[in-house]
Amino acid sequence: MNDRHPHRRQFLAGLAASSVLASPAIAQSARPLEKAQLLLNWYLYGEHAPFFYGKKLGLFAAEGIDLDIMEGRGSAVTLQAVAAKSALFGYSDMSAVVRGAIRGAPVISTGVLLQKNPASAMGFADKNIRTAADLKGKTVATTPGDALSQVWPAFLKKAGLTEADVKILAGDAQTKLNAVISGQADVLLGYSHDQSMKIKDATGKAVFPVMFADYGINSVATGIIAHRDTLSGNADLVRRFMKAATLSAEAAEKAPQAAAEAMLEADPKAGKKDTLTEGFTISAGLYRLSPDQRPFQTNAKAVADTVDILVEYGGVDAAAKGRVQSFFTTDFLPGRATN
């Protein structure tokens, strides 16, 4: 993902004081509010809308939490900050959790929001690239070494294609976007809820993603992380945070435009209302592997499948396969919804 806000580069130097995204909570809890920081995985995009909406609705305050939401600079950086206790909670990709934990980082996932991975090959909808077979003979923009390019060979194999069936145009994140926008490439490897919205913001044209997950290459993606000391030392706070986060996601699903507006109220530079709304709606479509799941619920099989992909294609130590249960917990999530 490219840096859309270069003027904010000083973020990490003042992490503790860099809570730039806050709006007053409407509801108030009977208990004194306890401060908690949520460090996101990246600059703002539609996926983050539920946290702002939940804060605006007072859902975190109702659980006794005074929430500060901070932009991030990548899942790995967020994980490092949580491991160092510079932020109480983080929003990070499961791949970063596995990589960090296997190297000794005392961090664990307390709830995975995206159960279906947004990885895709995407291009303008008017090119009529709707399936993997349509990629044959096309030019694909990639960033060598990133997470998407690592699983690209697996996607090709599952789709019955070979590397010789496509032409590769290599470049950094911005180069990929520019290649599709300018017509140098037919598609880029990117995330359906993020890069697609950047292309649409820049051109006004619709984008269609060919999802890796639809071809059997799926890994659970972003969710909440916390330090293990927080779980053992303040379990009640973790439960209250995960309850508020779950209710926030459910509320945002019912009011996506209002959720996008809450982001823009917190930071007018977050993007454009229409594409923030659309990006969030795409994200919400990735919340569940089965209809009865509440947001943030995951299971051992989904995490094990993720670890298998990371071991086979991402260079993660094979020892991770025997440690699946240590990478996540569902103990702090609320129960079934009551309507």
C-alpha atoms as a PDB file:
ATOM      1  CA  MET A   1       0.000   0.000   0.000  1.00  0.00           C
ATOM      2  CA  ASN A   2       1.347   3.410  -0.843  1.00  0.00           C
ATOM      3  CA  ASP A   3       1.876   6.357   1.492  1.00  0.00           C
ATOM      4  CA  ARG A   4      -1.087   8.642   0.905  1.00  0.00           C
ATOM      5  CA  HIS A   5      -0.142  11.078   3.680  1.00  0.00           C
ATOM      6  CA  PRO A   6       3.618  11.733   3.565  1.00  0.00           C
ATOM      7  CA  HIS A   7       3.261  14.754   5.847  1.00  0.00           C
ATOM      8  CA  ARG A   8       2.472  12.383   8.750  1.00  0.00           C
ATOM      9  CA  ARG A   9       5.765  10.471   8.660  1.00  0.00           C
ATOM     10  CA  GLN A  10       6.703  11.658  12.145  1.00  0.00           C
ATOM     11  CA  PHE A  11       3.978   9.395  13.610  1.00  0.00           C
ATOM     12  CA  LEU A  12       6.158   6.745  15.206  1.00  0.00           C
ATOM     13  CA  ALA A  13       8.468   9.259  16.833  1.00  0.00           C
ATOM     14  CA  GLY A  14       5.627  10.398  19.049  1.00  0.00           C
ATOM     15  CA  LEU A  15       3.477   7.285  19.217  1.00  0.00           C
ATOM     16  CA  ALA A  16       2.157   7.833  22.705  1.00  0.00           C
ATOM     17  CA  ALA A  17       1.038  11.357  21.886  1.00  0.00           C
ATOM     18  CA  SER A  18      -0.067  10.784  18.331  1.00  0.00           C
ATOM     19  CA  SER A  19      -3.718   9.989  18.820  1.00  0.00           C
ATOM     20  CA  VAL A  20      -4.977  12.156  15.980  1.00  0.00           C
ATOM     21  CA  LEU A  21      -8.303  10.504  15.449  1.00  0.00           C
ATOM     22  CA  ALA A  22     -10.877  11.010  18.155  1.00  0.00           C
ATOM     23  CA  SER A  23     -14.442  12.208  18.392  1.00  0.00           C
ATOM     24  CA  PRO A  24     -16.396  12.651  21.621  1.00  0.00           C
ATOM     25  CA  ALA A  25     -18.279   9.569  22.713  1.00  0.00           C
ATOM     26  CA  ILE A  26     -22.002  10.118  22.911  1.00  0.00           C
ATOM     27  CA  ALA A  27     -22.825   7.575  25.596  1.00  0.00           C
ATOM     28  CA  GLN A  28     -21.100   7.549  28.969  1.00  0.00           C
ATOM     29  CA  SER A  29     -20.351   4.552  31.135  1.00  0.00           C
ATOM     30  CA  ALA A  30     -21.237   4.476  34.826  1.00  0.00           C
ATOM     31  CA  ARG A  31     -17.648   3.413  35.569  1.00  0.00           C
ATOM     32  CA  PRO A  32     -14.663   5.756  35.173  1.00  0.00           C
ATOM     33  CA  LEU A  33     -13.355   5.633  31.631  1.00  0.00           C
ATOM     34  CA  GLU A  34     -10.135   3.698  31.160  1.00  0.00           C
ATOM     35  CA  LYS A  35      -7.829   4.918  28.408  1.00  0.00           C
ATOM     36  CA  ALA A  36      -6.965   2.463  25.638  1.00  0.00           C
ATOM     37  CA  GLN A  37      -5.107   2.959  22.387  1.00  0.00           C
ATOM     38  CA  LEU A  38      -5.854   1.138  19.149  1.00  0.00           C
ATOM     39  CA  LEU A  39      -2.993   1.344  16.661  1.00  0.00           C
ATOM     40  CA  LEU A  40      -4.261   0.551  13.173  1.00  0.00           C
ATOM     41  CA  ASN A  41      -2.399  -1.387  10.503  1.00  0.00           C
ATOM     42  CA  TRP A  42      -2.124   1.489   8.009  1.00  0.00           C
ATOM     43  CA  TYR A  43      -3.326   4.911   6.942  1.00  0.00           C
ATOM     44  CA  LEU A  44      -7.090   5.214   7.021  1.00  0.00           C
ATOM     45  CA  TYR A  45      -9.224   3.312   4.536  1.00  0.00           C
ATOM     46  CA  GLY A  46     -12.745   1.885   4.581  1.00  0.00           C
ATOM     47  CA  GLU A  47     -11.948  -1.245   6.597  1.00  0.00           C
ATOM     48  CA  HIS A  48     -11.316   0.918   9.672  1.00  0.00           C
ATOM     49  CA  ALA A  49     -14.779   2.519   9.715  1.00  0.00           C
ATOM     50  CA  PRO A  50     -16.329   0.371  12.492  1.00  0.00           C
ATOM     51  CA  PHE A  51     -13.904   1.624  15.146  1.00  0.00           C
ATOM     52  CA  PHE A  52     -14.746   5.249  14.444  1.00  0.00           C
ATOM     53  CA  TYR A  53     -18.450   4.522  14.266  1.00  0.00           C
ATOM     54  CA  GLY A  54     -18.390   2.590  17.530  1.00  0.00           C
ATOM     55  CA  LYS A  55     -16.530   5.431  19.200  1.00  0.00           C
ATOM     56  CA  LYS A  56     -18.998   7.977  17.868  1.00  0.00           C
ATOM     57  CA  LEU A  57     -21.973   5.897  19.046  1.00  0.00           C
ATOM     58  CA  GLY A  58     -20.447   5.607  22.505  1.00  0.00           C
ATOM     59  CA  LEU A  59     -20.109   1.812  22.353  1.00  0.00           C
ATOM     60  CA  PHE A  60     -16.575   1.900  23.747  1.00  0.00           C
ATOM     61  CA  ALA A  61     -17.508   4.477  26.380  1.00  0.00           C
ATOM     62  CA  ALA A  62     -20.415   2.255  27.423  1.00  0.00           C
ATOM     63  CA  GLU A  63     -17.808  -0.401  28.235  1.00  0.00           C
ATOM     64  CA  GLY A  64     -15.769   2.052  30.274  1.00  0.00           C
ATOM     65  CA  ILE A  65     -13.182   2.675  27.542  1.00  0.00           C
ATOM     66  CA  ASP A  66     -11.838   6.052  26.415  1.00  0.00           C
ATOM     67  CA  LEU A  67     -10.573   4.953  23.004  1.00  0.00           C
ATOM     68  CA  ASP A  68      -7.789   6.622  21.050  1.00  0.00           C
ATOM     69  CA  ILE A  69      -7.463   5.444  17.422  1.00  0.00           C
ATOM     70  CA  MET A  70      -4.088   5.923  15.766  1.00  0.00           C
ATOM     71  CA  GLU A  71      -3.004   5.405  12.178  1.00  0.00           C
ATOM     72  CA  GLY A  72      -0.349   2.767  11.558  1.00  0.00           C
ATOM     73  CA  ARG A  73       2.530   2.130   9.201  1.00  0.00           C
ATOM     74  CA  GLY A  74       2.111  -1.556   8.475  1.00  0.00           C
ATOM     75  CA  SER A  75       1.015  -4.642  10.408  1.00  0.00           C
ATOM     76  CA  ALA A  76       4.571  -5.564  11.389  1.00  0.00           C
ATOM     77  CA  VAL A  77       5.179  -2.102  12.869  1.00  0.00           C
ATOM     78  CA  THR A  78       1.880  -2.271  14.740  1.00  0.00           C
ATOM     79  CA  LEU A  79       2.816  -5.660  16.170  1.00  0.00           C
ATOM     80  CA  GLN A  80       6.174  -4.298  17.333  1.00  0.00           C
ATOM     81  CA  ALA A  81       4.442  -1.384  19.076  1.00  0.00           C
ATOM     82  CA  VAL A  82       2.015  -3.687  20.911  1.00  0.00           C
ATOM     83  CA  ALA A  83       4.866  -6.034  21.847  1.00  0.00           C
ATOM     84  CA  ALA A  84       6.737  -3.044  23.293  1.00  0.00           C
ATOM     85  CA  LYS A  85       3.558  -1.897  25.127  1.00  0.00           C
ATOM     86  CA  SER A  86       3.570   1.419  23.257  1.00  0.00           C
ATOM     87  CA  ALA A  87      -0.044   0.715  22.302  1.00  0.00           C
ATOM     88  CA  LEU A  88      -2.505  -1.376  24.283  1.00  0.00           C
ATOM     89  CA  PHE A  89      -4.315  -2.855  21.273  1.00  0.00           C
ATOM     90  CA  GLY A  90      -3.342  -3.168  17.638  1.00  0.00           C
ATOM     91  CA  TYR A  91      -5.065  -3.968  14.357  1.00  0.00           C
ATOM     92  CA  SER A  92      -2.767  -6.259  12.441  1.00  0.00           C
ATOM     93  CA  ASP A  93      -2.714  -8.996   9.833  1.00  0.00           C
ATOM     94  CA  MET A  94      -2.557 -12.576  11.102  1.00  0.00           C
ATOM     95  CA  SER A  95       0.535 -13.163   8.985  1.00  0.00           C
ATOM     96  CA  ALA A  96       2.372 -10.553  11.089  1.00  0.00           C
ATOM     97  CA  VAL A  97       1.115 -12.215  14.282  1.00  0.00           C
ATOM     98  CA  VAL A  98       2.439 -15.608  13.202  1.00  0.00           C
ATOM     99  CA  ARG A  99       5.773 -14.216  12.035  1.00  0.00           C
ATOM    100  CA  GLY A 100       6.201 -12.175  15.202  1.00  0.00           C
ATOM    101  CA  ALA A 101       5.077 -14.824  17.661  1.00  0.00           C
ATOM    102  CA  ILE A 102       7.273 -17.530  16.142  1.00  0.00           C
ATOM    103  CA  ARG A 103      10.219 -15.201  16.779  1.00  0.00           C
ATOM    104  CA  GLY A 104       9.203 -14.607  20.382  1.00  0.00           C
ATOM    105  CA  ALA A 105       6.963 -11.529  20.285  1.00  0.00           C
ATOM    106  CA  PRO A 106       4.554 -11.785  23.281  1.00  0.00           C
ATOM    107  CA  VAL A 107       1.521 -10.851  21.168  1.00  0.00           C
ATOM    108  CA  ILE A 108      -1.664 -12.764  20.394  1.00  0.00           C
ATOM    109  CA  SER A 109      -4.762 -12.198  18.258  1.00  0.00           C
ATOM    110  CA  THR A 110      -7.909 -11.652  20.331  1.00  0.00           C
ATOM    111  CA  GLY A 111     -10.261 -11.511  17.348  1.00  0.00           C
ATOM    112  CA  VAL A 112      -9.907 -11.750  13.562  1.00  0.00           C
ATOM    113  CA  LEU A 113     -12.221  -9.440  11.644  1.00  0.00           C
ATOM    114  CA  LEU A 114     -11.485 -10.447   8.034  1.00  0.00           C
ATOM    115  CA  GLN A 115     -12.082 -14.179   7.705  1.00  0.00           C
ATOM    116  CA  LYS A 116     -11.770 -14.068   3.926  1.00  0.00           C
ATOM    117  CA  ASN A 117      -8.559 -12.587   2.590  1.00  0.00           C
ATOM    118  CA  PRO A 118      -8.928  -9.544   0.294  1.00  0.00           C
ATOM    119  CA  ALA A 119      -5.952 -10.578  -1.892  1.00  0.00           C
ATOM    120  CA  SER A 120      -6.831 -10.380  -5.585  1.00  0.00           C
ATOM    121  CA  ALA A 121      -5.800  -9.605  -9.133  1.00  0.00           C
ATOM    122  CA  MET A 122      -7.771  -6.479 -10.011  1.00  0.00           C
ATOM    123  CA  GLY A 123      -8.286  -4.299 -13.037  1.00  0.00           C
ATOM    124  CA  PHE A 124     -10.858  -2.010 -14.591  1.00  0.00           C
ATOM    125  CA  ALA A 125     -14.259  -3.670 -14.798  1.00  0.00           C
ATOM    126  CA  ASP A 126     -14.623  -2.708 -18.437  1.00  0.00           C
ATOM    127  CA  LYS A 127     -11.727  -5.033 -19.344  1.00  0.00           C
ATOM    128  CA  ASN A 128     -14.066  -7.957 -18.553  1.00  0.00           C
ATOM    129  CA  ILE A 129     -11.500  -9.883 -16.518  1.00  0.00           C
ATOM    130  CA  ARG A 130     -13.875 -11.844 -14.311  1.00  0.00           C
ATOM    131  CA  THR A 131     -12.117 -15.172 -13.699  1.00  0.00           C
ATOM    132  CA  ALA A 132      -8.590 -16.482 -13.425  1.00  0.00           C
ATOM    133  CA  ALA A 133      -8.869 -17.897 -16.953  1.00  0.00           C
ATOM    134  CA  ASP A 134      -9.371 -14.344 -18.222  1.00  0.00           C
ATOM    135  CA  LEU A 135      -5.876 -13.459 -16.991  1.00  0.00           C
ATOM    136  CA  LYS A 136      -4.233 -15.572 -19.681  1.00  0.00           C
ATOM    137  CA  GLY A 137      -2.129 -13.356 -21.938  1.00  0.00           C
ATOM    138  CA  LYS A 138      -2.628 -10.310 -19.710  1.00  0.00           C
ATOM    139  CA  THR A 139      -0.029  -8.073 -18.054  1.00  0.00           C
ATOM    140  CA  VAL A 140       0.030  -8.270 -14.255  1.00  0.00           C
ATOM    141  CA  ALA A 141       1.663  -5.564 -12.112  1.00  0.00           C
ATOM    142  CA  THR A 142       3.341  -6.957  -8.994  1.00  0.00           C
ATOM    143  CA  THR A 143       5.693  -5.879  -6.210  1.00  0.00           C
ATOM    144  CA  PRO A 144       8.442  -8.501  -5.872  1.00  0.00           C
ATOM    145  CA  GLY A 145       8.726  -9.972  -2.391  1.00  0.00           C
ATOM    146  CA  ASP A 146       5.465  -8.660  -0.940  1.00  0.00           C
ATOM    147  CA  ALA A 147       2.811 -10.935   0.559  1.00  0.00           C
ATOM    148  CA  LEU A 148       0.719 -11.018  -2.608  1.00  0.00           C
ATOM    149  CA  SER A 149       3.581 -11.952  -4.895  1.00  0.00           C
ATOM    150  CA  GLN A 150       4.551 -14.760  -2.526  1.00  0.00           C
ATOM    151  CA  VAL A 151       1.183 -16.509  -2.862  1.00  0.00           C
ATOM    152  CA  TRP A 152       0.766 -15.630  -6.559  1.00  0.00           C
ATOM    153  CA  PRO A 153       2.368 -18.938  -7.710  1.00  0.00           C
ATOM    154  CA  ALA A 154      -0.096 -20.867  -5.530  1.00  0.00           C
ATOM    155  CA  PHE A 155      -3.020 -18.964  -7.019  1.00  0.00           C
ATOM    156  CA  LEU A 156      -1.809 -19.696 -10.554  1.00  0.00           C
ATOM    157  CA  LYS A 157      -1.481 -23.391  -9.745  1.00  0.00           C
ATOM    158  CA  LYS A 158      -4.971 -23.567  -8.219  1.00  0.00           C
ATOM    159  CA  ALA A 159      -6.385 -21.716 -11.234  1.00  0.00           C
ATOM    160  CA  GLY A 160      -4.734 -24.057 -13.718  1.00  0.00           C
ATOM    161  CA  LEU A 161      -2.375 -21.390 -15.061  1.00  0.00           C
ATOM    162  CA  THR A 162       1.391 -21.135 -15.300  1.00  0.00           C
ATOM    163  CA  GLU A 163       3.689 -18.139 -14.968  1.00  0.00           C
ATOM    164  CA  ALA A 164       4.217 -18.298 -18.729  1.00  0.00           C
ATOM    165  CA  ASP A 165       0.511 -17.574 -19.225  1.00  0.00           C
ATOM    166  CA  VAL A 166       0.883 -13.968 -18.040  1.00  0.00           C
ATOM    167  CA  LYS A 167       3.310 -11.077 -18.448  1.00  0.00           C
ATOM    168  CA  ILE A 168       4.750  -9.575 -15.259  1.00  0.00           C
ATOM    169  CA  LEU A 169       5.422  -5.877 -14.747  1.00  0.00           C
ATOM    170  CA  ALA A 170       7.369  -5.374 -11.495  1.00  0.00           C
ATOM    171  CA  GLY A 171       7.357  -2.227  -9.389  1.00  0.00           C
ATOM    172  CA  ASP A 172       6.573  -0.755  -5.985  1.00  0.00           C
ATOM    173  CA  ALA A 173       3.058  -0.195  -4.637  1.00  0.00           C
ATOM    174  CA  GLN A 174       2.535   3.146  -6.391  1.00  0.00           C
ATOM    175  CA  THR A 175       4.016   1.845  -9.631  1.00  0.00           C
ATOM    176  CA  LYS A 176       1.443  -0.956  -9.634  1.00  0.00           C
ATOM    177  CA  LEU A 177      -1.395   1.513  -9.290  1.00  0.00           C
ATOM    178  CA  ASN A 178       0.002   3.788 -11.959  1.00  0.00           C
ATOM    179  CA  ALA A 179       0.495   0.845 -14.329  1.00  0.00           C
ATOM    180  CA  VAL A 180      -3.180  -0.098 -14.202  1.00  0.00           C
ATOM    181  CA  ILE A 181      -4.384   3.505 -14.294  1.00  0.00           C
ATOM    182  CA  SER A 182      -2.227   4.281 -17.346  1.00  0.00           C
ATOM    183  CA  GLY A 183      -3.038   1.034 -19.153  1.00  0.00           C
ATOM    184  CA  GLN A 184       0.486  -0.400 -18.968  1.00  0.00           C
ATOM    185  CA  ALA A 185      -0.895  -3.350 -17.005  1.00  0.00           C
ATOM    186  CA  ASP A 186      -4.275  -5.064 -17.205  1.00  0.00           C
ATOM    187  CA  VAL A 187      -4.413  -5.940 -13.505  1.00  0.00           C
ATOM    188  CA  LEU A 188      -2.381  -5.537 -10.341  1.00  0.00           C
ATOM    189  CA  LEU A 189      -2.014  -7.771  -7.320  1.00  0.00           C
ATOM    190  CA  GLY A 190      -3.748  -5.913  -4.510  1.00  0.00           C
ATOM    191  CA  TYR A 191      -6.472  -5.919  -1.874  1.00  0.00           C
ATOM    192  CA  SER A 192     -10.058  -5.727  -3.028  1.00  0.00           C
ATOM    193  CA  HIS A 193     -11.156  -3.241  -0.364  1.00  0.00           C
ATOM    194  CA  ASP A 194      -8.156  -0.912  -0.558  1.00  0.00           C
ATOM    195  CA  GLN A 195      -6.248  -0.571  -3.844  1.00  0.00           C
ATOM    196  CA  SER A 196      -9.468  -0.892  -5.796  1.00  0.00           C
ATOM    197  CA  MET A 197     -10.807   2.190  -4.041  1.00  0.00           C
ATOM    198  CA  LYS A 198      -7.564   4.091  -4.701  1.00  0.00           C
ATOM    199  CA  ILE A 199      -7.908   3.365  -8.404  1.00  0.00           C
ATOM    200  CA  LYS A 200     -11.549   4.417  -8.351  1.00  0.00           C
ATOM    201  CA  ASP A 201     -10.696   7.627  -6.471  1.00  0.00           C
ATOM    202  CA  ALA A 202      -8.073   8.448  -9.095  1.00  0.00           C
ATOM    203  CA  THR A 203     -10.104   7.584 -12.201  1.00  0.00           C
ATOM    204  CA  GLY A 204     -13.775   7.358 -11.276  1.00  0.00           C
ATOM    205  CA  LYS A 205     -13.862   3.940 -12.971  1.00  0.00           C
ATOM    206  CA  ALA A 206     -15.117   0.707 -11.413  1.00  0.00           C
ATOM    207  CA  VAL A 207     -12.635  -2.055 -10.583  1.00  0.00           C
ATOM    208  CA  PHE A 208     -13.262  -5.804 -10.536  1.00  0.00           C
ATOM    209  CA  PRO A 209     -11.159  -8.142  -8.343  1.00  0.00           C
ATOM    210  CA  VAL A 210     -10.462 -11.804  -9.090  1.00  0.00           C
ATOM    211  CA  MET A 211     -10.216 -13.074  -5.509  1.00  0.00           C
ATOM    212  CA  PHE A 212      -7.486 -15.538  -4.536  1.00  0.00           C
ATOM    213  CA  ALA A 213      -9.789 -16.963  -1.852  1.00  0.00           C
ATOM    214  CA  ASP A 214     -12.262 -18.060  -4.510  1.00  0.00           C
ATOM    215  CA  TYR A 215      -9.552 -20.380  -5.838  1.00  0.00           C
ATOM    216  CA  GLY A 216      -8.692 -22.003  -2.506  1.00  0.00           C
ATOM    217  CA  ILE A 217      -5.925 -19.624  -1.436  1.00  0.00           C
ATOM    218  CA  ASN A 218      -7.371 -18.085   1.705  1.00  0.00           C
ATOM    219  CA  SER A 219      -5.758 -16.905   4.900  1.00  0.00           C
ATOM    220  CA  VAL A 220      -7.504 -15.035   7.683  1.00  0.00           C
ATOM    221  CA  ALA A 221      -6.388 -11.434   7.631  1.00  0.00           C
ATOM    222  CA  THR A 222      -6.649  -8.415   9.922  1.00  0.00           C
ATOM    223  CA  GLY A 223      -7.895  -8.331  13.493  1.00  0.00           C
ATOM    224  CA  ILE A 224      -7.216  -7.145  17.027  1.00  0.00           C
ATOM    225  CA  ILE A 225      -3.965  -7.999  18.795  1.00  0.00           C
ATOM    226  CA  ALA A 226      -2.815  -7.493  22.374  1.00  0.00           C
ATOM    227  CA  HIS A 227       0.197  -8.179  24.566  1.00  0.00           C
ATOM    228  CA  ARG A 228      -0.030 -11.399  26.561  1.00  0.00           C
ATOM    229  CA  ASP A 229       0.544  -9.399  29.735  1.00  0.00           C
ATOM    230  CA  THR A 230      -2.637  -7.439  28.996  1.00  0.00           C
ATOM    231  CA  LEU A 231      -4.630 -10.666  28.759  1.00  0.00           C
ATOM    232  CA  SER A 232      -3.310 -11.944  32.069  1.00  0.00           C
ATOM    233  CA  GLY A 233      -3.225  -8.602  33.889  1.00  0.00           C
ATOM    234  CA  ASN A 234      -6.396  -6.914  32.631  1.00  0.00           C
ATOM    235  CA  ALA A 235      -8.612  -9.614  31.164  1.00  0.00           C
ATOM    236  CA  ASP A 236     -11.768  -7.623  31.931  1.00  0.00           C
ATOM    237  CA  LEU A 237     -10.584  -4.711  29.791  1.00  0.00           C
ATOM    238  CA  VAL A 238      -9.856  -7.068  26.885  1.00  0.00           C
ATOM    239  CA  ARG A 239     -13.361  -8.542  27.161  1.00  0.00           C
ATOM    240  CA  ARG A 240     -14.942  -5.111  27.264  1.00  0.00           C
ATOM    241  CA  PHE A 241     -12.864  -3.930  24.310  1.00  0.00           C
ATOM    242  CA  MET A 242     -13.748  -6.958  22.195  1.00  0.00           C
ATOM    243  CA  LYS A 243     -17.449  -6.588  23.076  1.00  0.00           C
ATOM    244  CA  ALA A 244     -17.416  -2.940  22.000  1.00  0.00           C
ATOM    245  CA  ALA A 245     -15.457  -3.764  18.834  1.00  0.00           C
ATOM    246  CA  THR A 246     -17.908  -6.529  17.932  1.00  0.00           C
ATOM    247  CA  LEU A 247     -20.931  -4.283  18.481  1.00  0.00           C
ATOM    248  CA  SER A 248     -19.210  -1.554  16.455  1.00  0.00           C
ATOM    249  CA  ALA A 249     -18.688  -3.862  13.485  1.00  0.00           C
ATOM    250  CA  GLU A 250     -22.304  -5.033  13.627  1.00  0.00           C
ATOM    251  CA  ALA A 251     -23.585  -1.460  13.853  1.00  0.00           C
ATOM    252  CA  ALA A 252     -21.409  -0.351  10.934  1.00  0.00           C
ATOM    253  CA  GLU A 253     -22.704  -3.204   8.772  1.00  0.00           C
ATOM    254  CA  LYS A 254     -26.200  -1.784   9.228  1.00  0.00           C
ATOM    255  CA  ALA A 255     -25.163   1.809   8.482  1.00  0.00           C
ATOM    256  CA  PRO A 256     -22.111   1.844   6.177  1.00  0.00           C
ATOM    257  CA  GLN A 257     -22.521   5.465   5.088  1.00  0.00           C
ATOM    258  CA  ALA A 258     -22.786   6.647   8.679  1.00  0.00           C
ATOM    259  CA  ALA A 259     -19.675   4.624   9.520  1.00  0.00           C
ATOM    260  CA  ALA A 260     -17.763   6.324   6.695  1.00  0.00           C
ATOM    261  CA  GLU A 261     -19.016   9.723   7.872  1.00  0.00           C
ATOM    262  CA  ALA A 262     -17.696   8.964  11.370  1.00  0.00           C
ATOM    263  CA  MET A 263     -14.245   8.417   9.876  1.00  0.00           C
ATOM    264  CA  LEU A 264     -14.386  11.695   7.985  1.00  0.00           C
ATOM    265  CA  GLU A 265     -15.539  13.559  11.091  1.00  0.00           C
ATOM    266  CA  ALA A 266     -12.477  12.216  12.904  1.00  0.00           C
ATOM    267  CA  ASP A 267     -10.130  12.951  10.002  1.00  0.00           C
ATOM    268  CA  PRO A 268     -11.418  14.793   6.909  1.00  0.00           C
ATOM    269  CA  LYS A 269      -8.328  13.608   5.002  1.00  0.00           C
ATOM    270  CA  ALA A 270      -9.320   9.944   5.410  1.00  0.00           C
ATOM    271  CA  GLY A 271     -10.678   9.802   1.848  1.00  0.00           C
ATOM    272  CA  LYS A 272     -13.907  10.303  -0.060  1.00  0.00           C
ATOM    273  CA  LYS A 273     -17.226   9.339   1.466  1.00  0.00           C
ATOM    274  CA  ASP A 274     -18.412   7.216  -1.454  1.00  0.00           C
ATOM    275  CA  THR A 275     -15.281   5.114  -1.777  1.00  0.00           C
ATOM    276  CA  LEU A 276     -14.798   4.846   1.992  1.00  0.00           C
ATOM    277  CA  THR A 277     -18.348   3.491   2.161  1.00  0.00           C
ATOM    278  CA  GLU A 278     -17.761   1.111  -0.722  1.00  0.00           C
ATOM    279  CA  GLY A 279     -14.423  -0.026   0.703  1.00  0.00           C
ATOM    280  CA  PHE A 280     -16.026  -0.728   4.062  1.00  0.00           C
ATOM    281  CA  THR A 281     -18.905  -2.615   2.434  1.00  0.00           C
ATOM    282  CA  ILE A 282     -16.391  -4.823   0.628  1.00  0.00           C
ATOM    283  CA  SER A 283     -14.557  -5.368   3.927  1.00  0.00           C
ATOM    284  CA  ALA A 284     -17.760  -6.329   5.737  1.00  0.00           C
ATOM    285  CA  GLY A 285     -18.358  -8.974   3.090  1.00  0.00           C
ATOM    286  CA  LEU A 286     -15.158 -10.667   4.301  1.00  0.00           C
ATOM    287  CA  TYR A 287     -16.219 -10.939   7.960  1.00  0.00           C
ATOM    288  CA  ARG A 288     -17.659 -14.447   7.931  1.00  0.00           C
ATOM    289  CA  LEU A 289     -16.919 -17.936   6.661  1.00  0.00           C
ATOM    290  CA  SER A 290     -20.396 -19.028   7.808  1.00  0.00           C
ATOM    291  CA  PRO A 291     -23.591 -16.968   8.228  1.00  0.00           C
ATOM    292  CA  ASP A 292     -23.851 -17.547  11.980  1.00  0.00           C
ATOM    293  CA  GLN A 293     -20.451 -16.003  12.777  1.00  0.00           C
ATOM    294  CA  ARG A 294     -20.311 -12.730  14.664  1.00  0.00           C
ATOM    295  CA  PRO A 295     -17.513 -10.347  13.676  1.00  0.00           C
ATOM    296  CA  PHE A 296     -14.058 -11.255  15.050  1.00  0.00           C
ATOM    297  CA  GLN A 297     -14.915 -14.951  15.448  1.00  0.00           C
ATOM    298  CA  THR A 298     -12.428 -17.360  13.926  1.00  0.00           C
ATOM    299  CA  ASN A 299     -11.430 -20.987  14.483  1.00  0.00           C
ATOM    300  CA  ALA A 300      -8.382 -23.222  14.644  1.00  0.00           C
ATOM    301  CA  LYS A 301      -8.838 -24.630  11.147  1.00  0.00           C
ATOM    302  CA  ALA A 302      -8.908 -21.186   9.534  1.00  0.00           C
ATOM    303  CA  VAL A 303      -5.770 -20.169  11.428  1.00  0.00           C
ATOM    304  CA  ALA A 304      -4.090 -23.515  10.649  1.00  0.00           C
ATOM    305  CA  ASP A 305      -4.817 -23.042   6.939  1.00  0.00           C
ATOM    306  CA  THR A 306      -3.254 -19.586   7.192  1.00  0.00           C
ATOM    307  CA  VAL A 307      -0.148 -20.990   8.857  1.00  0.00           C
ATOM    308  CA  ASP A 308       0.143 -23.665   6.164  1.00  0.00           C
ATOM    309  CA  ILE A 309       0.161 -20.993   3.448  1.00  0.00           C
ATOM    310  CA  LEU A 310       2.749 -18.925   5.339  1.00  0.00           C
ATOM    311  CA  VAL A 311       4.999 -21.939   5.797  1.00  0.00           C
ATOM    312  CA  GLU A 312       4.717 -23.084   2.192  1.00  0.00           C
ATOM    313  CA  TYR A 313       4.906 -19.713   0.454  1.00  0.00           C
ATOM    314  CA  GLY A 314       5.891 -17.096   3.023  1.00  0.00           C
ATOM    315  CA  GLY A 315       9.107 -18.489   4.430  1.00  0.00           C
ATOM    316  CA  VAL A 316       7.727 -19.059   7.949  1.00  0.00           C
ATOM    317  CA  ASP A 317       9.416 -21.781  10.025  1.00  0.00           C
ATOM    318  CA  ALA A 318       7.566 -25.109   9.796  1.00  0.00           C
ATOM    319  CA  ALA A 319       7.499 -25.189  13.617  1.00  0.00           C
ATOM    320  CA  ALA A 320       4.591 -22.735  13.372  1.00  0.00           C
ATOM    321  CA  LYS A 321       2.313 -25.610  12.312  1.00  0.00           C
ATOM    322  CA  GLY A 322       2.540 -27.054  15.800  1.00  0.00           C
ATOM    323  CA  ARG A 323       1.751 -23.760  17.501  1.00  0.00           C
ATOM    324  CA  VAL A 324      -1.531 -22.759  15.888  1.00  0.00           C
ATOM    325  CA  GLN A 325      -3.406 -22.419  19.185  1.00  0.00           C
ATOM    326  CA  SER A 326      -0.768 -20.006  20.516  1.00  0.00           C
ATOM    327  CA  PHE A 327      -1.402 -17.423  17.795  1.00  0.00           C
ATOM    328  CA  PHE A 328      -5.030 -16.600  18.654  1.00  0.00           C
ATOM    329  CA  THR A 329      -7.718 -16.832  21.294  1.00  0.00           C
ATOM    330  CA  THR A 330     -11.496 -16.487  21.188  1.00  0.00           C
ATOM    331  CA  ASP A 331     -11.835 -16.445  24.990  1.00  0.00           C
ATOM    332  CA  PHE A 332     -12.457 -12.704  25.149  1.00  0.00           C
ATOM    333  CA  LEU A 333     -15.171 -12.459  22.503  1.00  0.00           C
ATOM    334  CA  PRO A 334     -18.843 -11.914  23.355  1.00  0.00           C
ATOM    335  CA  GLY A 335     -21.338 -14.740  22.923  1.00  0.00           C
ATOM    336  CA  ARG A 336     -24.048 -15.100  20.333  1.00  0.00           C
ATOM    337  CA  ALA A 337     -26.025 -12.005  19.460  1.00  0.00           C
ATOM    338  CA  THR A 338     -29.457 -11.532  21.022  1.00  0.00           C
ATOM    339  CA  ASN A 339     -31.994  -9.782  18.832  1.00  0.00           C
END
